[in-house]
Amino acid sequence: QVQLVESGGGLVQPGGSLRLSCAASGSIFSINTMGWFRQAPGKERELVAIITNGATTNYADSVKGRFTISRDNARTVSLQMNSLKPEDTAVYYCYVRGLSQFWGQGTQVTISS
């Protein structure tokens, strides 16, 4: 059974920071990419950031310079989010791709004063 356990979401004021983490366990073979997507109310799910085994990263233009993705180990990925804006409010989903792809259940991030 595959599990992606996300942590670190919450409520923060504009300009603040949050760190999301995702730990993958179970039968996930040949992981090559891990990352984060998000979905705001009424919008489609969108890429936030991904990182490959070779440490190649890809960020959405809207988060470049503010968010940093990292692989803590082979099965854990983190997203450091700084200078948060109200438009960053969304449910953030962990994503893992190996021979198959898997999604976490999502963690709410709310940016509000």
C-alpha atoms as a PDB file:
ATOM      1  CA  GLN A   1       0.000   0.000   0.000  1.00  0.00           C
ATOM      2  CA  VAL A   2       1.301   3.402  -0.993  1.00  0.00           C
ATOM      3  CA  GLN A   3       1.115   6.346   1.391  1.00  0.00           C
ATOM      4  CA  LEU A   4       2.138   9.962   0.843  1.00  0.00           C
ATOM      5  CA  VAL A   5       2.030  11.747   4.187  1.00  0.00           C
ATOM      6  CA  GLU A   6       1.980  15.531   3.885  1.00  0.00           C
ATOM      7  CA  SER A   7       2.618  17.991   6.676  1.00  0.00           C
ATOM      8  CA  GLY A   8       3.218  21.674   7.232  1.00  0.00           C
ATOM      9  CA  GLY A   9       0.165  23.418   5.897  1.00  0.00           C
ATOM     10  CA  GLY A  10      -1.686  26.089   7.812  1.00  0.00           C
ATOM     11  CA  LEU A  11      -2.678  29.726   8.071  1.00  0.00           C
ATOM     12  CA  VAL A  12      -0.071  32.451   7.740  1.00  0.00           C
ATOM     13  CA  GLN A  13      -0.107  36.177   7.100  1.00  0.00           C
ATOM     14  CA  PRO A  14       1.014  37.656   3.784  1.00  0.00           C
ATOM     15  CA  GLY A  15       4.777  37.838   3.652  1.00  0.00           C
ATOM     16  CA  GLY A  16       5.155  34.872   5.949  1.00  0.00           C
ATOM     17  CA  SER A  17       6.701  31.455   5.404  1.00  0.00           C
ATOM     18  CA  LEU A  18       5.659  27.825   5.541  1.00  0.00           C
ATOM     19  CA  ARG A  19       7.472  24.577   4.915  1.00  0.00           C
ATOM     20  CA  LEU A  20       5.628  21.588   3.458  1.00  0.00           C
ATOM     21  CA  SER A  21       6.994  18.062   3.695  1.00  0.00           C
ATOM     22  CA  CYS A  22       5.907  14.812   2.098  1.00  0.00           C
ATOM     23  CA  ALA A  23       7.109  11.341   3.017  1.00  0.00           C
ATOM     24  CA  ALA A  24       6.404   8.446   0.683  1.00  0.00           C
ATOM     25  CA  SER A  25       6.129   4.871   1.873  1.00  0.00           C
ATOM     26  CA  GLY A  26       5.027   1.550   0.475  1.00  0.00           C
ATOM     27  CA  SER A  27       5.394  -0.029  -2.933  1.00  0.00           C
ATOM     28  CA  ILE A  28       6.631   2.865  -4.999  1.00  0.00           C
ATOM     29  CA  PHE A  29       9.294   1.634  -7.393  1.00  0.00           C
ATOM     30  CA  SER A  30      11.923   3.556  -9.291  1.00  0.00           C
ATOM     31  CA  ILE A  31      10.962   7.006  -8.018  1.00  0.00           C
ATOM     32  CA  ASN A  32      12.354   9.559 -10.467  1.00  0.00           C
ATOM     33  CA  THR A  33      10.350  12.704  -9.723  1.00  0.00           C
ATOM     34  CA  MET A  34       8.749  14.224  -6.648  1.00  0.00           C
ATOM     35  CA  GLY A  35       6.975  17.503  -6.309  1.00  0.00           C
ATOM     36  CA  TRP A  36       4.040  19.673  -5.405  1.00  0.00           C
ATOM     37  CA  PHE A  37       0.905  20.788  -7.185  1.00  0.00           C
ATOM     38  CA  ARG A  38      -1.847  23.034  -5.878  1.00  0.00           C
ATOM     39  CA  GLN A  39      -5.512  23.675  -6.504  1.00  0.00           C
ATOM     40  CA  ALA A  40      -7.297  26.851  -5.523  1.00  0.00           C
ATOM     41  CA  PRO A  41     -11.108  27.034  -5.283  1.00  0.00           C
ATOM     42  CA  GLY A  42     -12.666  27.139  -8.721  1.00  0.00           C
ATOM     43  CA  LYS A  43      -9.352  26.560 -10.478  1.00  0.00           C
ATOM     44  CA  GLU A  44      -7.586  23.596 -12.027  1.00  0.00           C
ATOM     45  CA  ARG A  45      -4.748  21.797 -10.304  1.00  0.00           C
ATOM     46  CA  GLU A  46      -1.435  23.354 -11.302  1.00  0.00           C
ATOM     47  CA  LEU A  47       2.241  22.585 -11.003  1.00  0.00           C
ATOM     48  CA  VAL A  48       4.074  24.377  -8.204  1.00  0.00           C
ATOM     49  CA  ALA A  49       7.490  22.702  -8.291  1.00  0.00           C
ATOM     50  CA  ILE A  50       9.046  19.368  -9.123  1.00  0.00           C
ATOM     51  CA  ILE A  51      12.494  17.871  -8.602  1.00  0.00           C
ATOM     52  CA  THR A  52      14.075  14.864 -10.264  1.00  0.00           C
ATOM     53  CA  ASN A  53      16.554  12.332  -8.936  1.00  0.00           C
ATOM     54  CA  GLY A  54      19.235  14.333 -10.691  1.00  0.00           C
ATOM     55  CA  ALA A  55      18.176  17.431  -8.732  1.00  0.00           C
ATOM     56  CA  THR A  56      16.744  19.139 -11.790  1.00  0.00           C
ATOM     57  CA  THR A  57      13.983  21.464 -10.678  1.00  0.00           C
ATOM     58  CA  ASN A  58      11.065  23.118 -12.393  1.00  0.00           C
ATOM     59  CA  TYR A  59       8.978  25.891 -10.848  1.00  0.00           C
ATOM     60  CA  ALA A  60       5.810  27.674 -11.797  1.00  0.00           C
ATOM     61  CA  ASP A  61       6.612  31.231 -12.849  1.00  0.00           C
ATOM     62  CA  SER A  62       4.386  32.539 -10.073  1.00  0.00           C
ATOM     63  CA  VAL A  63       6.577  31.012  -7.344  1.00  0.00           C
ATOM     64  CA  LYS A  64      10.084  31.416  -8.780  1.00  0.00           C
ATOM     65  CA  GLY A  65      12.367  33.180  -6.339  1.00  0.00           C
ATOM     66  CA  ARG A  66       9.980  32.584  -3.437  1.00  0.00           C
ATOM     67  CA  PHE A  67       9.639  28.795  -3.192  1.00  0.00           C
ATOM     68  CA  THR A  68      12.408  26.201  -2.977  1.00  0.00           C
ATOM     69  CA  ILE A  69      11.918  22.480  -3.467  1.00  0.00           C
ATOM     70  CA  SER A  70      14.340  19.924  -2.047  1.00  0.00           C
ATOM     71  CA  ARG A  71      14.726  16.188  -1.688  1.00  0.00           C
ATOM     72  CA  ASP A  72      15.554  15.365   1.918  1.00  0.00           C
ATOM     73  CA  ASN A  73      16.123  11.736   1.014  1.00  0.00           C
ATOM     74  CA  ALA A  74      15.007   9.290  -1.630  1.00  0.00           C
ATOM     75  CA  ARG A  75      11.429   9.295  -0.379  1.00  0.00           C
ATOM     76  CA  THR A  76      10.932  12.720   1.164  1.00  0.00           C
ATOM     77  CA  VAL A  77      10.376  16.032  -0.564  1.00  0.00           C
ATOM     78  CA  SER A  78       9.993  19.468   1.001  1.00  0.00           C
ATOM     79  CA  LEU A  79       8.801  22.831  -0.230  1.00  0.00           C
ATOM     80  CA  GLN A  80      10.034  25.952   1.517  1.00  0.00           C
ATOM     81  CA  MET A  81       7.591  28.777   0.789  1.00  0.00           C
ATOM     82  CA  ASN A  82       8.656  32.339   1.559  1.00  0.00           C
ATOM     83  CA  SER A  83       7.100  35.735   0.876  1.00  0.00           C
ATOM     84  CA  LEU A  84       3.696  34.115   0.717  1.00  0.00           C
ATOM     85  CA  LYS A  85       0.856  35.939  -1.006  1.00  0.00           C
ATOM     86  CA  PRO A  86      -2.915  35.597  -0.709  1.00  0.00           C
ATOM     87  CA  GLU A  87      -2.943  34.094  -4.218  1.00  0.00           C
ATOM     88  CA  ASP A  88      -0.851  31.199  -2.907  1.00  0.00           C
ATOM     89  CA  THR A  89      -3.897  30.042  -0.964  1.00  0.00           C
ATOM     90  CA  ALA A  90      -4.776  26.540  -2.138  1.00  0.00           C
ATOM     91  CA  VAL A  91      -4.738  22.883  -1.278  1.00  0.00           C
ATOM     92  CA  TYR A  92      -1.213  21.631  -1.926  1.00  0.00           C
ATOM     93  CA  TYR A  93      -0.746  18.056  -3.148  1.00  0.00           C
ATOM     94  CA  CYS A  94       2.381  15.958  -2.966  1.00  0.00           C
ATOM     95  CA  TYR A  95       3.226  14.141  -6.209  1.00  0.00           C
ATOM     96  CA  VAL A  96       5.485  11.168  -6.736  1.00  0.00           C
ATOM     97  CA  ARG A  97       6.288   9.500 -10.037  1.00  0.00           C
ATOM     98  CA  GLY A  98       8.031   6.215 -10.465  1.00  0.00           C
ATOM     99  CA  LEU A  99       6.723   3.333 -12.519  1.00  0.00           C
ATOM    100  CA  SER A 100       3.330   4.815 -11.590  1.00  0.00           C
ATOM    101  CA  GLN A 101       2.314   8.185 -10.234  1.00  0.00           C
ATOM    102  CA  PHE A 102       0.786   8.906  -6.877  1.00  0.00           C
ATOM    103  CA  TRP A 103      -0.879  11.834  -5.151  1.00  0.00           C
ATOM    104  CA  GLY A 104      -1.154  12.825  -1.530  1.00  0.00           C
ATOM    105  CA  GLN A 105      -4.458  13.754   0.054  1.00  0.00           C
ATOM    106  CA  GLY A 106      -3.567  17.442   0.143  1.00  0.00           C
ATOM    107  CA  THR A 107      -2.784  19.992   2.808  1.00  0.00           C
ATOM    108  CA  GLN A 108      -4.478  23.373   3.074  1.00  0.00           C
ATOM    109  CA  VAL A 109      -2.365  26.506   2.839  1.00  0.00           C
ATOM    110  CA  THR A 110      -4.160  29.759   3.605  1.00  0.00           C
ATOM    111  CA  ILE A 111      -2.544  33.165   3.319  1.00  0.00           C
ATOM    112  CA  SER A 112      -4.629  35.826   4.985  1.00  0.00           C
ATOM    113  CA  SER A 113      -4.305  38.754   7.329  1.00  0.00           C
END
